[in-house]
Amino acid sequence: MKHLVSILVIILLLTGCFANSDDYSDATIQKGQKTVESYIRNNYEDIETVEFNNDHSNPMGGLMIRGKVNGKAGFVVDVDPDDFTVESIGEKEGFPDLKKECREKVCSY
């Protein structure tokens, strides 16, 4: 009986983990990419190009948008799939600097 309860608890935990991994529609991903591009162009200096890759995986089930700016500096952006706001951004080496007016608060996007 003790083993059965342990097995059931493990199954419930695993089910909860897999339930959080959402597959987003192409329309949702495109809207997320549009939001991210607007965010980057409005908050960072010297943005020439914004490119996206096809990896949208996120272990927590959220919408992650990955790509590069200016052909070299990578980024990872966590986007709220309900209202398409940028929740966080991870900038890799060589990413452009924030615009002066966007350092204290996020500029509109």
PDB file of N, CA and C in Angstrom:
ATOM      1  N   MET A   1       0.821  -1.190   0.000  1.00  0.00           N
ATOM      2  CA  MET A   1       0.000   0.000   0.000  1.00  0.00           C
ATOM      3  C   MET A   1       0.871   1.262   0.000  1.00  0.00           C
ATOM      4  N   LYS A   2       1.940   1.238   0.772  1.00  0.00           N
ATOM      5  CA  LYS A   2       2.854   2.368   0.853  1.00  0.00           C
ATOM      6  C   LYS A   2       3.474   2.653  -0.514  1.00  0.00           C
ATOM      7  N   HIS A   3       3.842   1.596  -1.231  1.00  0.00           N
ATOM      8  CA  HIS A   3       4.448   1.758  -2.558  1.00  0.00           C
ATOM      9  C   HIS A   3       3.433   2.292  -3.564  1.00  0.00           C
ATOM     10  N   LEU A   4       2.199   1.866  -3.452  1.00  0.00           N
ATOM     11  CA  LEU A   4       1.153   2.322  -4.359  1.00  0.00           C
ATOM     12  C   LEU A   4       0.920   3.822  -4.204  1.00  0.00           C
ATOM     13  N   VAL A   5       0.889   4.300  -2.976  1.00  0.00           N
ATOM     14  CA  VAL A   5       0.712   5.726  -2.721  1.00  0.00           C
ATOM     15  C   VAL A   5       1.902   6.505  -3.285  1.00  0.00           C
ATOM     16  N   SER A   6       3.108   6.005  -3.102  1.00  0.00           N
ATOM     17  CA  SER A   6       4.305   6.665  -3.633  1.00  0.00           C
ATOM     18  C   SER A   6       4.255   6.748  -5.150  1.00  0.00           C
ATOM     19  N   ILE A   7       3.853   5.685  -5.788  1.00  0.00           N
ATOM     20  CA  ILE A   7       3.765   5.655  -7.246  1.00  0.00           C
ATOM     21  C   ILE A   7       2.702   6.651  -7.729  1.00  0.00           C
ATOM     22  N   LEU A   8       1.561   6.703  -7.057  1.00  0.00           N
ATOM     23  CA  LEU A   8       0.511   7.647  -7.444  1.00  0.00           C
ATOM     24  C   LEU A   8       0.972   9.100  -7.299  1.00  0.00           C
ATOM     25  N   VAL A   9       1.699   9.389  -6.235  1.00  0.00           N
ATOM     26  CA  VAL A   9       2.215  10.743  -6.028  1.00  0.00           C
ATOM     27  C   VAL A   9       3.182  11.106  -7.149  1.00  0.00           C
ATOM     28  N   ILE A  10       4.057  10.205  -7.511  1.00  0.00           N
ATOM     29  CA  ILE A  10       5.018  10.453  -8.590  1.00  0.00           C
ATOM     30  C   ILE A  10       4.293  10.691  -9.909  1.00  0.00           C
ATOM     31  N   ILE A  11       3.294   9.894 -10.206  1.00  0.00           N
ATOM     32  CA  ILE A  11       2.524  10.057 -11.447  1.00  0.00           C
ATOM     33  C   ILE A  11       1.833  11.418 -11.471  1.00  0.00           C
ATOM     34  N   LEU A  12       1.244  11.822 -10.353  1.00  0.00           N
ATOM     35  CA  LEU A  12       0.582  13.127 -10.289  1.00  0.00           C
ATOM     36  C   LEU A  12       1.562  14.270 -10.493  1.00  0.00           C
ATOM     37  N   LEU A  13       2.738  14.166  -9.903  1.00  0.00           N
ATOM     38  CA  LEU A  13       3.748  15.203 -10.068  1.00  0.00           C
ATOM     39  C   LEU A  13       4.217  15.294 -11.510  1.00  0.00           C
ATOM     40  N   LEU A  14       4.467  14.159 -12.133  1.00  0.00           N
ATOM     41  CA  LEU A  14       4.904  14.155 -13.534  1.00  0.00           C
ATOM     42  C   LEU A  14       3.818  14.684 -14.453  1.00  0.00           C
ATOM     43  N   THR A  15       2.591  14.345 -14.193  1.00  0.00           N
ATOM     44  CA  THR A  15       1.479  14.847 -14.999  1.00  0.00           C
ATOM     45  C   THR A  15       1.399  16.364 -14.899  1.00  0.00           C
ATOM     46  N   GLY A  16       1.587  16.898 -13.717  1.00  0.00           N
ATOM     47  CA  GLY A  16       1.573  18.349 -13.532  1.00  0.00           C
ATOM     48  C   GLY A  16       2.686  19.032 -14.292  1.00  0.00           C
ATOM     49  N   CYS A  17       3.858  18.433 -14.326  1.00  0.00           N
ATOM     50  CA  CYS A  17       4.985  19.006 -15.066  1.00  0.00           C
ATOM     51  C   CYS A  17       4.698  19.039 -16.555  1.00  0.00           C
ATOM     52  N   PHE A  18       4.174  17.949 -17.093  1.00  0.00           N
ATOM     53  CA  PHE A  18       3.909  17.898 -18.526  1.00  0.00           C
ATOM     54  C   PHE A  18       2.719  18.768 -18.914  1.00  0.00           C
ATOM     55  N   ALA A  19       1.803  19.000 -18.015  1.00  0.00           N
ATOM     56  CA  ALA A  19       0.641  19.840 -18.316  1.00  0.00           C
ATOM     57  C   ALA A  19       1.042  21.288 -18.521  1.00  0.00           C
ATOM     58  N   ASN A  20       2.175  21.715 -17.971  1.00  0.00           N
ATOM     59  CA  ASN A  20       2.637  23.086 -18.111  1.00  0.00           C
ATOM     60  C   ASN A  20       3.357  23.351 -19.416  1.00  0.00           C
ATOM     61  N   SER A  21       3.729  22.331 -20.165  1.00  0.00           N
ATOM     62  CA  SER A  21       4.489  22.555 -21.391  1.00  0.00           C
ATOM     63  C   SER A  21       3.520  22.772 -22.544  1.00  0.00           C
ATOM     64  N   ASP A  22       3.266  24.045 -22.840  1.00  0.00           N
ATOM     65  CA  ASP A  22       2.306  24.414 -23.864  1.00  0.00           C
ATOM     66  C   ASP A  22       2.960  24.415 -25.238  1.00  0.00           C
ATOM     67  N   ASP A  23       2.197  24.000 -26.228  1.00  0.00           N
ATOM     68  CA  ASP A  23       2.585  24.175 -27.614  1.00  0.00           C
ATOM     69  C   ASP A  23       1.770  25.344 -28.118  1.00  0.00           C
ATOM     70  N   TYR A  24       2.434  26.367 -28.585  1.00  0.00           N
ATOM     71  CA  TYR A  24       1.748  27.569 -29.017  1.00  0.00           C
ATOM     72  C   TYR A  24       1.496  27.544 -30.516  1.00  0.00           C
ATOM     73  N   SER A  25       0.396  28.141 -30.922  1.00  0.00           N
ATOM     74  CA  SER A  25       0.042  28.212 -32.340  1.00  0.00           C
ATOM     75  C   SER A  25       1.025  29.134 -33.062  1.00  0.00           C
ATOM     76  N   ASP A  26       1.070  28.993 -34.382  1.00  0.00           N
ATOM     77  CA  ASP A  26       1.925  29.868 -35.190  1.00  0.00           C
ATOM     78  C   ASP A  26       1.532  31.325 -35.006  1.00  0.00           C
ATOM     79  N   ALA A  27       0.235  31.595 -34.906  1.00  0.00           N
ATOM     80  CA  ALA A  27      -0.235  32.972 -34.724  1.00  0.00           C
ATOM     81  C   ALA A  27       0.252  33.554 -33.405  1.00  0.00           C
ATOM     82  N   THR A  28       0.238  32.749 -32.340  1.00  0.00           N
ATOM     83  CA  THR A  28       0.716  33.205 -31.031  1.00  0.00           C
ATOM     84  C   THR A  28       2.213  33.474 -31.078  1.00  0.00           C
ATOM     85  N   ILE A  29       2.962  32.583 -31.698  1.00  0.00           N
ATOM     86  CA  ILE A  29       4.412  32.764 -31.811  1.00  0.00           C
ATOM     87  C   ILE A  29       4.731  34.008 -32.635  1.00  0.00           C
ATOM     88  N   GLN A  30       4.025  34.208 -33.742  1.00  0.00           N
ATOM     89  CA  GLN A  30       4.261  35.394 -34.573  1.00  0.00           C
ATOM     90  C   GLN A  30       3.945  36.682 -33.809  1.00  0.00           C
ATOM     91  N   LYS A  31       2.871  36.673 -33.040  1.00  0.00           N
ATOM     92  CA  LYS A  31       2.520  37.853 -32.246  1.00  0.00           C
ATOM     93  C   LYS A  31       3.586  38.091 -31.174  1.00  0.00           C
ATOM     94  N   GLY A  32       4.080  37.010 -30.561  1.00  0.00           N
ATOM     95  CA  GLY A  32       5.161  37.131 -29.587  1.00  0.00           C
ATOM     96  C   GLY A  32       6.418  37.697 -30.218  1.00  0.00           C
ATOM     97  N   GLN A  33       6.753  37.241 -31.418  1.00  0.00           N
ATOM     98  CA  GLN A  33       7.934  37.750 -32.117  1.00  0.00           C
ATOM     99  C   GLN A  33       7.782  39.228 -32.462  1.00  0.00           C
ATOM    100  N   LYS A  34       6.599  39.622 -32.874  1.00  0.00           N
ATOM    101  CA  LYS A  34       6.337  41.025 -33.193  1.00  0.00           C
ATOM    102  C   LYS A  34       6.521  41.893 -31.944  1.00  0.00           C
ATOM    103  N   THR A  35       6.016  41.413 -30.812  1.00  0.00           N
ATOM    104  CA  THR A  35       6.170  42.127 -29.542  1.00  0.00           C
ATOM    105  C   THR A  35       7.640  42.260 -29.174  1.00  0.00           C
ATOM    106  N   VAL A  36       8.389  41.159 -29.298  1.00  0.00           N
ATOM    107  CA  VAL A  36       9.809  41.163 -28.944  1.00  0.00           C
ATOM    108  C   VAL A  36      10.590  42.117 -29.841  1.00  0.00           C
ATOM    109  N   GLU A  37      10.316  42.085 -31.136  1.00  0.00           N
ATOM    110  CA  GLU A  37      11.031  42.987 -32.045  1.00  0.00           C
ATOM    111  C   GLU A  37      10.749  44.443 -31.693  1.00  0.00           C
ATOM    112  N   SER A  38       9.489  44.769 -31.419  1.00  0.00           N
ATOM    113  CA  SER A  38       9.132  46.130 -31.031  1.00  0.00           C
ATOM    114  C   SER A  38       9.834  46.523 -29.727  1.00  0.00           C
ATOM    115  N   TYR A  39       9.848  45.611 -28.761  1.00  0.00           N
ATOM    116  CA  TYR A  39      10.510  45.867 -27.473  1.00  0.00           C
ATOM    117  C   TYR A  39      11.995  46.170 -27.682  1.00  0.00           C
ATOM    118  N   ILE A  40      12.661  45.330 -28.459  1.00  0.00           N
ATOM    119  CA  ILE A  40      14.102  45.501 -28.676  1.00  0.00           C
ATOM    120  C   ILE A  40      14.380  46.797 -29.426  1.00  0.00           C
ATOM    121  N   ARG A  41      13.662  47.054 -30.493  1.00  0.00           N
ATOM    122  CA  ARG A  41      13.899  48.266 -31.293  1.00  0.00           C
ATOM    123  C   ARG A  41      13.622  49.539 -30.494  1.00  0.00           C
ATOM    124  N   ASN A  42      12.643  49.520 -29.593  1.00  0.00           N
ATOM    125  CA  ASN A  42      12.295  50.716 -28.830  1.00  0.00           C
ATOM    126  C   ASN A  42      13.128  50.921 -27.570  1.00  0.00           C
ATOM    127  N   ASN A  43      13.829  49.896 -27.099  1.00  0.00           N
ATOM    128  CA  ASN A  43      14.567  50.008 -25.838  1.00  0.00           C
ATOM    129  C   ASN A  43      16.081  49.920 -25.970  1.00  0.00           C
ATOM    130  N   TYR A  44      16.588  49.491 -27.119  1.00  0.00           N
ATOM    131  CA  TYR A  44      18.032  49.303 -27.286  1.00  0.00           C
ATOM    132  C   TYR A  44      18.574  50.151 -28.431  1.00  0.00           C
ATOM    133  N   GLU A  45      19.845  50.508 -28.322  1.00  0.00           N
ATOM    134  CA  GLU A  45      20.513  51.345 -29.317  1.00  0.00           C
ATOM    135  C   GLU A  45      20.991  50.520 -30.519  1.00  0.00           C
ATOM    136  N   ASP A  46      21.037  51.177 -31.655  1.00  0.00           N
ATOM    137  CA  ASP A  46      21.693  50.648 -32.858  1.00  0.00           C
ATOM    138  C   ASP A  46      21.208  49.275 -33.296  1.00  0.00           C
ATOM    139  N   ILE A  47      19.910  49.082 -33.331  1.00  0.00           N
ATOM    140  CA  ILE A  47      19.352  47.810 -33.802  1.00  0.00           C
ATOM    141  C   ILE A  47      19.156  47.892 -35.310  1.00  0.00           C
ATOM    142  N   GLU A  48      19.871  47.055 -36.028  1.00  0.00           N
ATOM    143  CA  GLU A  48      19.734  47.007 -37.485  1.00  0.00           C
ATOM    144  C   GLU A  48      18.803  45.873 -37.905  1.00  0.00           C
ATOM    145  N   THR A  49      19.024  44.681 -37.345  1.00  0.00           N
ATOM    146  CA  THR A  49      18.196  43.530 -37.697  1.00  0.00           C
ATOM    147  C   THR A  49      17.836  42.746 -36.441  1.00  0.00           C
ATOM    148  N   VAL A  50      16.671  42.101 -36.483  1.00  0.00           N
ATOM    149  CA  VAL A  50      16.236  41.188 -35.429  1.00  0.00           C
ATOM    150  C   VAL A  50      15.814  39.902 -36.122  1.00  0.00           C
ATOM    151  N   GLU A  51      16.479  38.801 -35.765  1.00  0.00           N
ATOM    152  CA  GLU A  51      16.186  37.500 -36.361  1.00  0.00           C
ATOM    153  C   GLU A  51      15.734  36.553 -35.256  1.00  0.00           C
ATOM    154  N   PHE A  52      14.827  35.642 -35.604  1.00  0.00           N
ATOM    155  CA  PHE A  52      14.298  34.686 -34.631  1.00  0.00           C
ATOM    156  C   PHE A  52      14.654  33.272 -35.046  1.00  0.00           C
ATOM    157  N   ASN A  53      14.784  32.388 -34.049  1.00  0.00           N
ATOM    158  CA  ASN A  53      14.957  30.970 -34.371  1.00  0.00           C
ATOM    159  C   ASN A  53      13.698  30.212 -33.988  1.00  0.00           C
ATOM    160  N   ASN A  54      13.665  28.946 -34.261  1.00  0.00           N
ATOM    161  CA  ASN A  54      12.450  28.152 -34.072  1.00  0.00           C
ATOM    162  C   ASN A  54      12.340  27.474 -32.716  1.00  0.00           C
ATOM    163  N   ASP A  55      13.264  27.737 -31.821  1.00  0.00           N
ATOM    164  CA  ASP A  55      13.235  27.115 -30.494  1.00  0.00           C
ATOM    165  C   ASP A  55      12.415  27.988 -29.545  1.00  0.00           C
ATOM    166  N   HIS A  56      11.242  27.510 -29.168  1.00  0.00           N
ATOM    167  CA  HIS A  56      10.376  28.250 -28.239  1.00  0.00           C
ATOM    168  C   HIS A  56      10.187  27.496 -26.931  1.00  0.00           C
ATOM    169  N   SER A  57      11.080  26.546 -26.655  1.00  0.00           N
ATOM    170  CA  SER A  57      10.942  25.699 -25.478  1.00  0.00           C
ATOM    171  C   SER A  57      11.185  26.477 -24.193  1.00  0.00           C
ATOM    172  N   ASN A  58      10.422  26.105 -23.193  1.00  0.00           N
ATOM    173  CA  ASN A  58      10.559  26.691 -21.873  1.00  0.00           C
ATOM    174  C   ASN A  58      10.108  25.627 -20.877  1.00  0.00           C
ATOM    175  N   PRO A  59      10.991  25.173 -19.991  1.00  0.00           N
ATOM    176  CA  PRO A  59      10.627  24.114 -19.052  1.00  0.00           C
ATOM    177  C   PRO A  59       9.448  24.477 -18.150  1.00  0.00           C
ATOM    178  N   MET A  60       9.178  25.752 -17.977  1.00  0.00           N
ATOM    179  CA  MET A  60       8.089  26.180 -17.115  1.00  0.00           C
ATOM    180  C   MET A  60       6.774  26.349 -17.880  1.00  0.00           C
ATOM    181  N   GLY A  61       6.791  26.135 -19.188  1.00  0.00           N
ATOM    182  CA  GLY A  61       5.570  26.196 -19.970  1.00  0.00           C
ATOM    183  C   GLY A  61       5.248  27.546 -20.568  1.00  0.00           C
ATOM    184  N   GLY A  62       6.081  28.548 -20.367  1.00  0.00           N
ATOM    185  CA  GLY A  62       5.825  29.868 -20.932  1.00  0.00           C
ATOM    186  C   GLY A  62       6.272  29.962 -22.379  1.00  0.00           C
ATOM    187  N   LEU A  63       6.089  31.123 -22.957  1.00  0.00           N
ATOM    188  CA  LEU A  63       6.480  31.369 -24.336  1.00  0.00           C
ATOM    189  C   LEU A  63       7.836  32.058 -24.348  1.00  0.00           C
ATOM    190  N   MET A  64       8.833  31.370 -24.885  1.00  0.00           N
ATOM    191  CA  MET A  64      10.180  31.924 -24.991  1.00  0.00           C
ATOM    192  C   MET A  64      10.455  32.226 -26.453  1.00  0.00           C
ATOM    193  N   ILE A  65      10.959  33.428 -26.709  1.00  0.00           N
ATOM    194  CA  ILE A  65      11.336  33.838 -28.053  1.00  0.00           C
ATOM    195  C   ILE A  65      12.854  34.016 -28.051  1.00  0.00           C
ATOM    196  N   ARG A  66      13.518  33.308 -28.962  1.00  0.00           N
ATOM    197  CA  ARG A  66      14.978  33.359 -29.049  1.00  0.00           C
ATOM    198  C   ARG A  66      15.398  33.894 -30.406  1.00  0.00           C
ATOM    199  N   GLY A  67      16.559  34.536 -30.423  1.00  0.00           N
ATOM    200  CA  GLY A  67      17.057  35.022 -31.691  1.00  0.00           C
ATOM    201  C   GLY A  67      18.356  35.786 -31.550  1.00  0.00           C
ATOM    202  N   LYS A  68      18.630  36.624 -32.572  1.00  0.00           N
ATOM    203  CA  LYS A  68      19.849  37.428 -32.614  1.00  0.00           C
ATOM    204  C   LYS A  68      19.507  38.828 -33.097  1.00  0.00           C
ATOM    205  N   VAL A  69      20.292  39.783 -32.637  1.00  0.00           N
ATOM    206  CA  VAL A  69      20.205  41.135 -33.185  1.00  0.00           C
ATOM    207  C   VAL A  69      21.489  41.425 -33.940  1.00  0.00           C
ATOM    208  N   ASN A  70      21.333  42.165 -35.014  1.00  0.00           N
ATOM    209  CA  ASN A  70      22.465  42.574 -35.841  1.00  0.00           C
ATOM    210  C   ASN A  70      23.313  41.381 -36.292  1.00  0.00           C
ATOM    211  N   GLY A  71      22.670  40.223 -36.413  1.00  0.00           N
ATOM    212  CA  GLY A  71      23.334  39.036 -36.938  1.00  0.00           C
ATOM    213  C   GLY A  71      24.283  38.323 -36.011  1.00  0.00           C
ATOM    214  N   LYS A  72      24.445  38.803 -34.763  1.00  0.00           N
ATOM    215  CA  LYS A  72      25.445  38.146 -33.912  1.00  0.00           C
ATOM    216  C   LYS A  72      25.073  38.019 -32.437  1.00  0.00           C
ATOM    217  N   ALA A  73      24.478  39.033 -31.836  1.00  0.00           N
ATOM    218  CA  ALA A  73      24.242  39.019 -30.390  1.00  0.00           C
ATOM    219  C   ALA A  73      22.909  38.335 -30.080  1.00  0.00           C
ATOM    220  N   GLY A  74      22.977  37.235 -29.343  1.00  0.00           N
ATOM    221  CA  GLY A  74      21.789  36.456 -29.037  1.00  0.00           C
ATOM    222  C   GLY A  74      20.965  37.018 -27.893  1.00  0.00           C
ATOM    223  N   PHE A  75      19.703  36.575 -27.864  1.00  0.00           N
ATOM    224  CA  PHE A  75      18.796  36.959 -26.789  1.00  0.00           C
ATOM    225  C   PHE A  75      17.779  35.856 -26.557  1.00  0.00           C
ATOM    226  N   VAL A  76      17.206  35.874 -25.355  1.00  0.00           N
ATOM    227  CA  VAL A  76      16.095  35.008 -24.983  1.00  0.00           C
ATOM    228  C   VAL A  76      15.099  35.896 -24.251  1.00  0.00           C
ATOM    229  N   VAL A  77      13.846  35.904 -24.719  1.00  0.00           N
ATOM    230  CA  VAL A  77      12.828  36.760 -24.123  1.00  0.00           C
ATOM    231  C   VAL A  77      11.654  35.900 -23.668  1.00  0.00           C
ATOM    232  N   ASP A  78      11.230  36.116 -22.432  1.00  0.00           N
ATOM    233  CA  ASP A  78      10.059  35.448 -21.875  1.00  0.00           C
ATOM    234  C   ASP A  78       8.863  36.373 -22.095  1.00  0.00           C
ATOM    235  N   VAL A  79       7.870  35.889 -22.860  1.00  0.00           N
ATOM    236  CA  VAL A  79       6.697  36.683 -23.200  1.00  0.00           C
ATOM    237  C   VAL A  79       5.461  36.068 -22.553  1.00  0.00           C
ATOM    238  N   ASP A  80       4.630  36.917 -21.932  1.00  0.00           N
ATOM    239  CA  ASP A  80       3.370  36.446 -21.382  1.00  0.00           C
ATOM    240  C   ASP A  80       2.421  36.167 -22.550  1.00  0.00           C
ATOM    241  N   PRO A  81       2.008  34.901 -22.737  1.00  0.00           N
ATOM    242  CA  PRO A  81       1.169  34.568 -23.891  1.00  0.00           C
ATOM    243  C   PRO A  81      -0.277  35.059 -23.784  1.00  0.00           C
ATOM    244  N   ASP A  82      -0.653  35.596 -22.634  1.00  0.00           N
ATOM    245  CA  ASP A  82      -2.013  36.109 -22.472  1.00  0.00           C
ATOM    246  C   ASP A  82      -2.143  37.556 -22.939  1.00  0.00           C
ATOM    247  N   ASP A  83      -1.173  38.398 -22.554  1.00  0.00           N
ATOM    248  CA  ASP A  83      -1.264  39.810 -22.934  1.00  0.00           C
ATOM    249  C   ASP A  83      -0.061  40.291 -23.745  1.00  0.00           C
ATOM    250  N   PHE A  84       0.841  39.380 -24.066  1.00  0.00           N
ATOM    251  CA  PHE A  84       2.006  39.656 -24.907  1.00  0.00           C
ATOM    252  C   PHE A  84       2.853  40.802 -24.375  1.00  0.00           C
ATOM    253  N   THR A  85       3.130  40.746 -23.084  1.00  0.00           N
ATOM    254  CA  THR A  85       4.086  41.671 -22.490  1.00  0.00           C
ATOM    255  C   THR A  85       5.397  40.933 -22.289  1.00  0.00           C
ATOM    256  N   VAL A  86       6.477  41.671 -22.347  1.00  0.00           N
ATOM    257  CA  VAL A  86       7.801  41.101 -22.112  1.00  0.00           C
ATOM    258  C   VAL A  86       8.001  41.006 -20.614  1.00  0.00           C
ATOM    259  N   GLU A  87       8.231  39.777 -20.145  1.00  0.00           N
ATOM    260  CA  GLU A  87       8.425  39.568 -18.714  1.00  0.00           C
ATOM    261  C   GLU A  87       9.896  39.644 -18.328  1.00  0.00           C
ATOM    262  N   SER A  88      10.772  39.162 -19.201  1.00  0.00           N
ATOM    263  CA  SER A  88      12.208  39.246 -18.936  1.00  0.00           C
ATOM    264  C   SER A  88      12.963  39.054 -20.237  1.00  0.00           C
ATOM    265  N   ILE A  89      14.208  39.521 -20.240  1.00  0.00           N
ATOM    266  CA  ILE A  89      15.067  39.349 -21.403  1.00  0.00           C
ATOM    267  C   ILE A  89      16.458  38.952 -20.935  1.00  0.00           C
ATOM    268  N   GLY A  90      17.018  37.971 -21.598  1.00  0.00           N
ATOM    269  CA  GLY A  90      18.389  37.551 -21.362  1.00  0.00           C
ATOM    270  C   GLY A  90      19.216  37.957 -22.563  1.00  0.00           C
ATOM    271  N   GLU A  91      20.260  38.726 -22.326  1.00  0.00           N
ATOM    272  CA  GLU A  91      21.100  39.250 -23.396  1.00  0.00           C
ATOM    273  C   GLU A  91      22.443  38.531 -23.377  1.00  0.00           C
ATOM    274  N   LYS A  92      22.861  38.072 -24.526  1.00  0.00           N
ATOM    275  CA  LYS A  92      24.161  37.420 -24.615  1.00  0.00           C
ATOM    276  C   LYS A  92      25.233  38.459 -24.922  1.00  0.00           C
ATOM    277  N   GLU A  93      26.486  38.032 -24.832  1.00  0.00           N
ATOM    278  CA  GLU A  93      27.619  38.925 -25.050  1.00  0.00           C
ATOM    279  C   GLU A  93      27.496  39.659 -26.381  1.00  0.00           C
ATOM    280  N   GLY A  94      27.769  40.958 -26.347  1.00  0.00           N
ATOM    281  CA  GLY A  94      27.719  41.769 -27.548  1.00  0.00           C
ATOM    282  C   GLY A  94      26.366  42.391 -27.831  1.00  0.00           C
ATOM    283  N   PHE A  95      25.390  42.162 -26.940  1.00  0.00           N
ATOM    284  CA  PHE A  95      24.061  42.727 -27.145  1.00  0.00           C
ATOM    285  C   PHE A  95      24.143  44.249 -27.006  1.00  0.00           C
ATOM    286  N   PRO A  96      23.420  44.999 -27.829  1.00  0.00           N
ATOM    287  CA  PRO A  96      23.474  46.471 -27.750  1.00  0.00           C
ATOM    288  C   PRO A  96      23.066  46.995 -26.374  1.00  0.00           C
ATOM    289  N   ASP A  97      23.493  48.205 -26.078  1.00  0.00           N
ATOM    290  CA  ASP A  97      23.161  48.859 -24.815  1.00  0.00           C
ATOM    291  C   ASP A  97      21.732  49.385 -24.841  1.00  0.00           C
ATOM    292  N   LEU A  98      21.168  49.506 -23.638  1.00  0.00           N
ATOM    293  CA  LEU A  98      19.864  50.148 -23.508  1.00  0.00           C
ATOM    294  C   LEU A  98      19.977  51.617 -23.899  1.00  0.00           C
ATOM    295  N   LYS A  99      18.916  52.141 -24.489  1.00  0.00           N
ATOM    296  CA  LYS A  99      18.868  53.574 -24.757  1.00  0.00           C
ATOM    297  C   LYS A  99      18.864  54.304 -23.418  1.00  0.00           C
ATOM    298  N   LYS A 100      19.458  55.492 -23.371  1.00  0.00           N
ATOM    299  CA  LYS A 100      19.576  56.253 -22.128  1.00  0.00           C
ATOM    300  C   LYS A 100      18.211  56.455 -21.467  1.00  0.00           C
ATOM    301  N   GLU A 101      17.204  56.812 -22.271  1.00  0.00           N
ATOM    302  CA  GLU A 101      15.880  57.095 -21.719  1.00  0.00           C
ATOM    303  C   GLU A 101      15.129  55.842 -21.263  1.00  0.00           C
ATOM    304  N   CYS A 102      15.669  54.663 -21.573  1.00  0.00           N
ATOM    305  CA  CYS A 102      15.000  53.400 -21.218  1.00  0.00           C
ATOM    306  C   CYS A 102      15.711  52.657 -20.088  1.00  0.00           C
ATOM    307  N   ARG A 103      16.680  53.291 -19.468  1.00  0.00           N
ATOM    308  CA  ARG A 103      17.445  52.620 -18.408  1.00  0.00           C
ATOM    309  C   ARG A 103      16.709  52.596 -17.076  1.00  0.00           C
ATOM    310  N   GLU A 104      15.954  53.635 -16.768  1.00  0.00           N
ATOM    311  CA  GLU A 104      15.227  53.715 -15.506  1.00  0.00           C
ATOM    312  C   GLU A 104      13.877  53.015 -15.575  1.00  0.00           C
ATOM    313  N   LYS A 105      13.252  53.043 -16.747  1.00  0.00           N
ATOM    314  CA  LYS A 105      11.963  52.381 -16.943  1.00  0.00           C
ATOM    315  C   LYS A 105      11.883  51.892 -18.384  1.00  0.00           C
ATOM    316  N   VAL A 106      11.113  50.866 -18.598  1.00  0.00           N
ATOM    317  CA  VAL A 106      10.968  50.304 -19.940  1.00  0.00           C
ATOM    318  C   VAL A 106      10.244  51.308 -20.818  1.00  0.00           C
ATOM    319  N   CYS A 107      10.814  51.557 -21.995  1.00  0.00           N
ATOM    320  CA  CYS A 107      10.155  52.438 -22.960  1.00  0.00           C
ATOM    321  C   CYS A 107       8.999  51.672 -23.601  1.00  0.00           C
ATOM    322  N   SER A 108       8.004  52.400 -24.047  1.00  0.00           N
ATOM    323  CA  SER A 108       6.829  51.740 -24.625  1.00  0.00           C
ATOM    324  C   SER A 108       7.216  50.936 -25.863  1.00  0.00           C
ATOM    325  N   TYR A 109       6.472  49.901 -26.092  1.00  0.00           N
ATOM    326  CA  TYR A 109       6.717  49.039 -27.243  1.00  0.00           C
ATOM    327  C   TYR A 109       5.402  48.547 -27.745  1.00  0.00           C
TER     328      TYR A 109
END
